[in-house]
């Protein structure tokens, strides 16, 4: 619930936190159609309240450039990495090449989307790099994820392919783009939000990974309506930090279509495992099952090391 301080002489207005960098806040006030530098006051400051990009707050415009926050509205959801509140959609961004497409990375990000209850859309960037002999392989991955019910948008910032479709997915929503560095998140934002001019990192020839180009979470205003979170890039998918081994199977949505002999089946060694049988019959893709085993082992290794 909101913690709000009011008096007869104070008119509280709502605002959206668009950036938090340390103790500094930036708030967009729809009523004024402008941004303000903001700070917490009263009981919020005394109690050590913390707000993040995406939080809706209530407060008072105290000058032409300052906004005093008196209350924070209850969040619908919260994505802890990157830290963004009230997310409508998670865009999982990967590239076909430079860095090379990895379904293990894709599945890890989709697992996190499922875990945090966010509606994901899979964006495959740099499809202009799909060579003729790779076309069937590329179509295999697109068909696989669409067959699982995921929204898949192939895109090439270089050629413009898919950019308009991506704009449509962003309208009227608070969207977070998540994915490894170097896949083109900043380039995509530059393409769909005119005038943003974000820093674009190059892919290291030595490691094949992108350099970090963003150091804070900032919500960018979509001229077509809504907001897009420009988030710090990350090279590691932190599935083991959040997901327990016993919960991983339910985050692979196709596993739920098959009933195993044991309700807590790990789909590894148990008899009567319907999931392993489905893999053998081709009803579950081997690639998805192999990525499941990979993430299961990563989770177990992390737990064993503690």
Protein backbone atom coordinates (compact mmCIF):
# COMPACT_ATOMS: atom_id res chain seq x y z
CA UNK A 1 0.00 0.00 0.00
CA UNK A 2 1.10 3.61 -0.52
CA UNK A 3 2.50 5.55 2.39
CA UNK A 4 1.24 9.06 1.71
CA UNK A 5 1.51 12.23 3.77
CA UNK A 6 -1.17 14.80 3.01
CA UNK A 7 -2.40 18.14 4.22
CA UNK A 8 -5.04 20.55 3.03
CA UNK A 9 -2.51 22.83 1.31
CA UNK A 10 -0.70 20.08 -0.59
CA UNK A 11 -1.85 18.77 -3.94
CA UNK A 12 -0.37 15.35 -4.60
CA UNK A 13 0.20 14.31 -8.20
CA UNK A 14 1.36 11.00 -9.58
CA UNK A 15 4.68 10.41 -11.25
CA UNK A 16 6.64 7.57 -12.83
CA UNK A 17 10.20 6.96 -11.68
CA UNK A 18 12.19 6.86 -14.92
CA UNK A 19 15.69 6.62 -13.50
CA UNK A 20 17.44 5.87 -10.26
CA UNK A 21 21.19 6.41 -10.07
CA UNK A 22 22.28 5.94 -6.48
CA UNK A 23 20.19 8.30 -4.36
CA UNK A 24 19.21 10.43 -7.35
CA UNK A 25 15.79 10.00 -8.92
CA UNK A 26 14.14 11.23 -12.09
CA UNK A 27 10.35 11.33 -12.25
CA UNK A 28 7.98 11.89 -15.18
CA UNK A 29 4.79 13.70 -14.13
CA UNK A 30 2.02 13.08 -16.70
CA UNK A 31 -0.06 16.02 -15.46
CA UNK A 32 2.82 18.40 -16.19
CA UNK A 33 4.17 16.47 -19.19
CA UNK A 34 7.74 16.90 -18.02
CA UNK A 35 10.58 15.32 -16.03
CA UNK A 36 11.69 16.38 -12.56
CA UNK A 37 14.63 15.66 -10.30
CA UNK A 38 13.06 13.92 -7.31
CA UNK A 39 13.81 13.09 -3.69
CA UNK A 40 12.11 11.20 -0.87
CA UNK A 41 10.88 13.12 2.12
CA UNK A 42 9.08 12.56 5.40
CA UNK A 43 8.55 9.03 6.66
CA UNK A 44 9.75 7.51 3.40
CA UNK A 45 13.24 8.89 3.94
CA UNK A 46 13.24 8.13 7.66
CA UNK A 47 12.27 4.50 7.06
CA UNK A 48 14.85 4.01 4.31
CA UNK A 49 12.34 3.45 1.51
CA UNK A 50 13.87 2.47 -1.82
CA UNK A 51 12.22 3.07 -5.18
CA UNK A 52 13.27 1.90 -8.63
CA UNK A 53 12.63 2.73 -12.24
CA UNK A 54 9.05 1.77 -13.05
CA UNK A 55 7.66 2.65 -9.62
CA UNK A 56 4.64 4.94 -9.54
CA UNK A 57 4.91 7.56 -6.83
CA UNK A 58 2.78 10.33 -5.39
CA UNK A 59 4.16 13.67 -4.36
CA UNK A 60 4.36 17.40 -4.84
CA UNK A 61 5.94 19.56 -7.50
CA UNK A 62 7.87 22.04 -5.36
CA UNK A 63 9.65 24.00 -8.09
CA UNK A 64 10.15 24.13 -11.82
CA UNK A 65 12.57 21.23 -11.64
CA UNK A 66 12.03 19.42 -8.30
CA UNK A 67 9.52 16.79 -7.18
CA UNK A 68 9.14 15.65 -3.56
CA UNK A 69 8.00 12.03 -3.18
CA UNK A 70 5.52 11.40 -0.35
CA UNK A 71 4.26 7.92 -1.28
CA UNK A 72 5.02 4.85 -3.37
CA UNK A 73 2.24 2.83 -4.92
CA UNK A 74 2.10 -0.92 -4.54
CA UNK A 75 3.99 -2.75 -7.31
CA UNK A 76 2.34 -5.20 -9.67
CA UNK A 77 5.65 -7.00 -10.09
CA UNK A 78 9.38 -6.47 -9.70
CA UNK A 79 12.27 -7.66 -11.82
CA UNK A 80 15.34 -7.81 -9.55
CA UNK A 81 17.98 -7.94 -12.28
CA UNK A 82 17.86 -5.43 -13.82
CA UNK A 83 15.84 -3.72 -11.09
CA UNK A 84 12.64 -2.49 -12.73
CA UNK A 85 9.13 -2.35 -11.26
CA UNK A 86 5.75 -2.84 -12.94
CA UNK A 87 7.09 -4.50 -16.08
CA UNK A 88 4.50 -5.29 -18.75
CA UNK A 89 6.75 -7.33 -21.03
CA UNK A 90 10.24 -8.82 -21.08
CA UNK A 91 11.98 -8.74 -24.43
CA UNK A 92 14.60 -11.48 -24.63
CA UNK A 93 17.15 -10.18 -27.13
CA UNK A 94 19.75 -12.44 -28.73
CA UNK A 95 21.61 -12.27 -32.03
CA UNK A 96 21.97 -14.82 -34.80
CA UNK A 97 25.69 -14.11 -35.07
CA UNK A 98 28.34 -11.84 -33.54
CA UNK A 99 27.80 -13.19 -30.87
CA UNK A 100 26.52 -16.50 -32.19
CA UNK A 101 22.97 -17.67 -31.36
CA UNK A 102 22.79 -19.91 -28.28
CA UNK A 103 19.57 -21.71 -27.45
CA UNK A 104 20.95 -22.41 -23.97
CA UNK A 105 21.11 -18.65 -23.36
CA UNK A 106 17.63 -18.20 -24.87
CA UNK A 107 16.17 -20.92 -22.67
CA UNK A 108 17.84 -19.50 -19.58
CA UNK A 109 16.32 -16.08 -20.22
CA UNK A 110 12.91 -17.59 -20.95
CA UNK A 111 13.15 -19.55 -17.69
CA UNK A 112 13.71 -16.28 -15.84
CA UNK A 113 10.76 -14.69 -17.63
CA UNK A 114 8.56 -17.61 -16.60
CA UNK A 115 9.92 -17.51 -13.04
CA UNK A 116 9.15 -13.81 -12.55
CA UNK A 117 5.77 -14.14 -14.26
CA UNK A 118 6.61 -11.82 -17.15
CA UNK A 119 5.24 -12.13 -20.67
CA UNK A 120 8.28 -12.66 -22.92
CA UNK A 121 8.89 -11.91 -26.56
CA UNK A 122 11.97 -13.39 -28.21
CA UNK A 123 13.82 -10.95 -30.46
CA UNK A 124 16.48 -12.48 -32.72
CA UNK A 125 18.66 -9.64 -33.99
CA UNK A 126 21.18 -9.53 -36.87
CA UNK A 127 19.15 -11.85 -39.10
CA UNK A 128 20.89 -10.20 -42.05
CA UNK A 129 23.83 -12.43 -41.06
CA UNK A 130 21.84 -15.61 -41.74
CA UNK A 131 23.73 -17.28 -44.57
CA UNK A 132 21.96 -19.30 -47.26
CA UNK A 133 23.15 -22.60 -45.84
CA UNK A 134 21.94 -21.55 -42.37
CA UNK A 135 18.40 -20.64 -43.40
CA UNK A 136 16.89 -24.01 -42.51
CA UNK A 137 18.60 -23.95 -39.12
CA UNK A 138 17.36 -20.42 -38.45
CA UNK A 139 13.80 -21.36 -39.40
CA UNK A 140 14.04 -24.40 -37.12
CA UNK A 141 14.65 -22.19 -34.07
CA UNK A 142 11.94 -19.69 -35.00
CA UNK A 143 9.40 -22.50 -35.54
CA UNK A 144 10.46 -24.26 -32.33
CA UNK A 145 9.86 -21.28 -30.05
CA UNK A 146 6.70 -20.20 -31.83
CA UNK A 147 5.44 -23.77 -31.48
CA UNK A 148 5.90 -23.40 -27.70
CA UNK A 149 3.69 -20.33 -27.74
CA UNK A 150 6.41 -17.69 -27.57
CA UNK A 151 6.17 -14.50 -29.59
CA UNK A 152 9.25 -14.47 -31.85
CA UNK A 153 10.35 -11.36 -33.77
CA UNK A 154 13.31 -11.72 -36.16
CA UNK A 155 14.94 -8.33 -36.69
CA UNK A 156 17.87 -6.67 -38.41
CA UNK A 157 18.73 -3.15 -37.40
CA UNK A 158 21.16 -3.02 -40.33
CA UNK A 159 18.50 -3.75 -42.97
CA UNK A 160 15.43 -2.52 -41.11
CA UNK A 161 13.75 -5.93 -41.25
CA UNK A 162 11.28 -6.41 -38.41
CA UNK A 163 11.78 -2.94 -36.91
CA UNK A 164 8.18 -1.87 -37.50
CA UNK A 165 6.85 -5.13 -36.00
CA UNK A 166 8.99 -4.52 -32.95
CA UNK A 167 7.63 -0.99 -32.58
CA UNK A 168 4.13 -2.47 -32.48
CA UNK A 169 5.13 -4.79 -29.63
CA UNK A 170 6.32 -1.82 -27.56
CA UNK A 171 3.29 0.45 -27.80
CA UNK A 172 1.66 1.40 -24.51
CA UNK A 173 3.77 -0.94 -22.37
CA UNK A 174 6.70 -0.79 -19.99
CA UNK A 175 9.16 -3.11 -21.68
CA UNK A 176 12.50 -4.44 -20.46
CA UNK A 177 15.08 -5.61 -22.97
CA UNK A 178 17.26 -8.35 -21.49
CA UNK A 179 20.06 -10.31 -23.10
CA UNK A 180 23.81 -10.74 -23.36
CA UNK A 181 26.07 -7.84 -24.27
CA UNK A 182 26.83 -7.39 -27.93
CA UNK A 183 23.49 -8.64 -29.26
CA UNK A 184 22.39 -5.15 -30.19
CA UNK A 185 20.01 -3.94 -27.47
CA UNK A 186 21.25 -0.35 -27.70
CA UNK A 187 21.19 -0.44 -31.52
CA UNK A 188 17.59 -1.68 -31.42
CA UNK A 189 16.58 1.15 -29.10
CA UNK A 190 18.31 3.66 -31.33
CA UNK A 191 16.31 2.30 -34.27
CA UNK A 192 12.87 2.31 -32.66
CA UNK A 193 13.09 5.45 -30.51
CA UNK A 194 14.27 8.40 -32.62
CA UNK A 195 16.78 10.73 -30.98
CA UNK A 196 17.90 8.35 -28.24
CA UNK A 197 21.47 8.01 -29.57
CA UNK A 198 22.58 5.43 -26.99
CA UNK A 199 26.16 4.32 -26.79
CA UNK A 200 26.70 1.21 -28.88
CA UNK A 201 29.35 -1.29 -27.78
CA UNK A 202 31.52 -3.29 -30.15
CA UNK A 203 31.95 -7.05 -29.94
CA UNK A 204 35.41 -8.00 -28.73
CA UNK A 205 37.36 -9.98 -31.33
CA UNK A 206 39.15 -11.82 -28.53
CA UNK A 207 36.15 -12.99 -26.50
CA UNK A 208 33.27 -12.66 -28.97
CA UNK A 209 31.36 -10.80 -26.26
CA UNK A 210 30.07 -7.26 -26.20
CA UNK A 211 31.39 -4.53 -23.98
CA UNK A 212 29.12 -3.01 -21.37
CA UNK A 213 27.76 0.34 -22.55
CA UNK A 214 25.06 1.11 -19.95
CA UNK A 215 25.59 1.64 -16.22
CA UNK A 216 22.10 2.42 -14.91
CA UNK A 217 18.47 1.55 -15.54
CA UNK A 218 16.67 4.32 -17.40
CA UNK A 219 13.16 4.30 -18.85
CA UNK A 220 13.08 5.75 -22.35
CA UNK A 221 9.86 7.37 -23.49
CA UNK A 222 8.37 5.68 -26.53
CA UNK A 223 6.91 8.36 -28.85
CA UNK A 224 4.19 5.85 -29.77
CA UNK A 225 3.24 5.37 -26.11
CA UNK A 226 4.82 3.46 -23.26
CA UNK A 227 8.34 3.11 -21.95
CA UNK A 228 11.37 0.97 -22.71
CA UNK A 229 14.00 0.19 -20.08
CA UNK A 230 17.55 0.72 -21.22
CA UNK A 231 19.26 -1.73 -18.88
CA UNK A 232 22.85 -2.72 -18.13
CA UNK A 233 24.00 -5.47 -20.46
CA UNK A 234 25.05 -8.77 -18.88
CA UNK A 235 27.01 -11.72 -20.20
CA UNK A 236 25.81 -14.30 -17.70
CA UNK A 237 22.28 -15.65 -17.30
CA UNK A 238 21.73 -15.98 -13.57
CA UNK A 239 19.24 -18.85 -13.50
CA UNK A 240 20.99 -20.63 -10.57
CA UNK A 241 20.76 -17.51 -8.40
CA UNK A 242 16.97 -17.49 -8.50
CA UNK A 243 15.60 -20.90 -9.42
CA UNK A 244 15.64 -24.03 -7.25
CA UNK A 245 16.18 -27.39 -8.95
CA UNK A 246 12.72 -28.60 -7.92
CA UNK A 247 11.10 -25.59 -9.64
CA UNK A 248 13.00 -25.73 -12.93
CA UNK A 249 10.79 -28.34 -14.68
CA UNK A 250 7.65 -26.18 -14.47
CA UNK A 251 9.52 -23.31 -16.13
CA UNK A 252 9.90 -25.37 -19.31
CA UNK A 253 6.31 -24.95 -20.37
CA UNK A 254 6.12 -27.99 -22.67
CA UNK A 255 7.09 -30.35 -19.83
CA UNK A 256 3.71 -29.71 -18.23
CA UNK A 257 1.97 -31.50 -21.10
CA UNK A 258 3.28 -34.86 -19.89
CA UNK A 259 2.47 -36.66 -16.63
CA UNK A 260 5.32 -38.59 -15.05
CA UNK A 261 5.01 -41.45 -12.57
CA UNK A 262 6.33 -39.20 -9.78
CA UNK A 263 5.01 -35.69 -9.16
CA UNK A 264 8.48 -34.46 -8.19
CA UNK A 265 10.21 -36.10 -11.16
CA UNK A 266 13.49 -34.39 -12.07
CA UNK A 267 13.32 -35.94 -15.57
CA UNK A 268 16.79 -37.42 -15.17
CA UNK A 269 16.86 -40.93 -13.67
CA UNK A 270 13.37 -41.65 -12.35
CA UNK A 271 11.40 -44.58 -13.81
CA UNK A 272 8.19 -43.75 -15.63
CA UNK A 273 9.42 -40.33 -16.76
CA UNK A 274 7.01 -39.14 -19.44
CA UNK A 275 9.21 -36.18 -20.34
CA UNK A 276 12.21 -38.34 -21.27
CA UNK A 277 9.89 -40.61 -23.21
CA UNK A 278 8.52 -37.57 -25.07
CA UNK A 279 12.07 -36.52 -25.95
CA UNK A 280 12.75 -39.97 -27.39
CA UNK A 281 9.55 -39.76 -29.45
CA UNK A 282 10.41 -36.28 -30.72
CA UNK A 283 7.47 -34.67 -28.89
CA UNK A 284 9.90 -32.51 -26.91
CA UNK A 285 12.93 -31.15 -28.71
CA UNK A 286 16.29 -32.61 -27.69
CA UNK A 287 17.79 -29.11 -27.75
CA UNK A 288 15.32 -27.88 -25.15
CA UNK A 289 15.81 -30.98 -23.00
CA UNK A 290 19.60 -30.63 -23.20
CA UNK A 291 19.40 -27.00 -22.13
CA UNK A 292 17.17 -28.08 -19.23
CA UNK A 293 19.83 -30.58 -18.12
CA UNK A 294 22.50 -27.87 -18.47
CA UNK A 295 20.63 -25.42 -16.24
CA UNK A 296 19.70 -28.16 -13.77
CA UNK A 297 23.38 -29.05 -13.39
CA UNK A 298 24.32 -25.38 -13.02
CA UNK A 299 21.79 -25.02 -10.21
CA UNK A 300 23.04 -28.16 -8.45
CA UNK A 301 26.67 -27.07 -8.75
CA UNK A 302 25.92 -23.69 -7.21
CA UNK A 303 23.97 -25.26 -4.31
CA UNK A 304 26.75 -27.81 -3.72
CA UNK A 305 29.38 -25.07 -3.53
CA UNK A 306 27.57 -23.23 -0.72
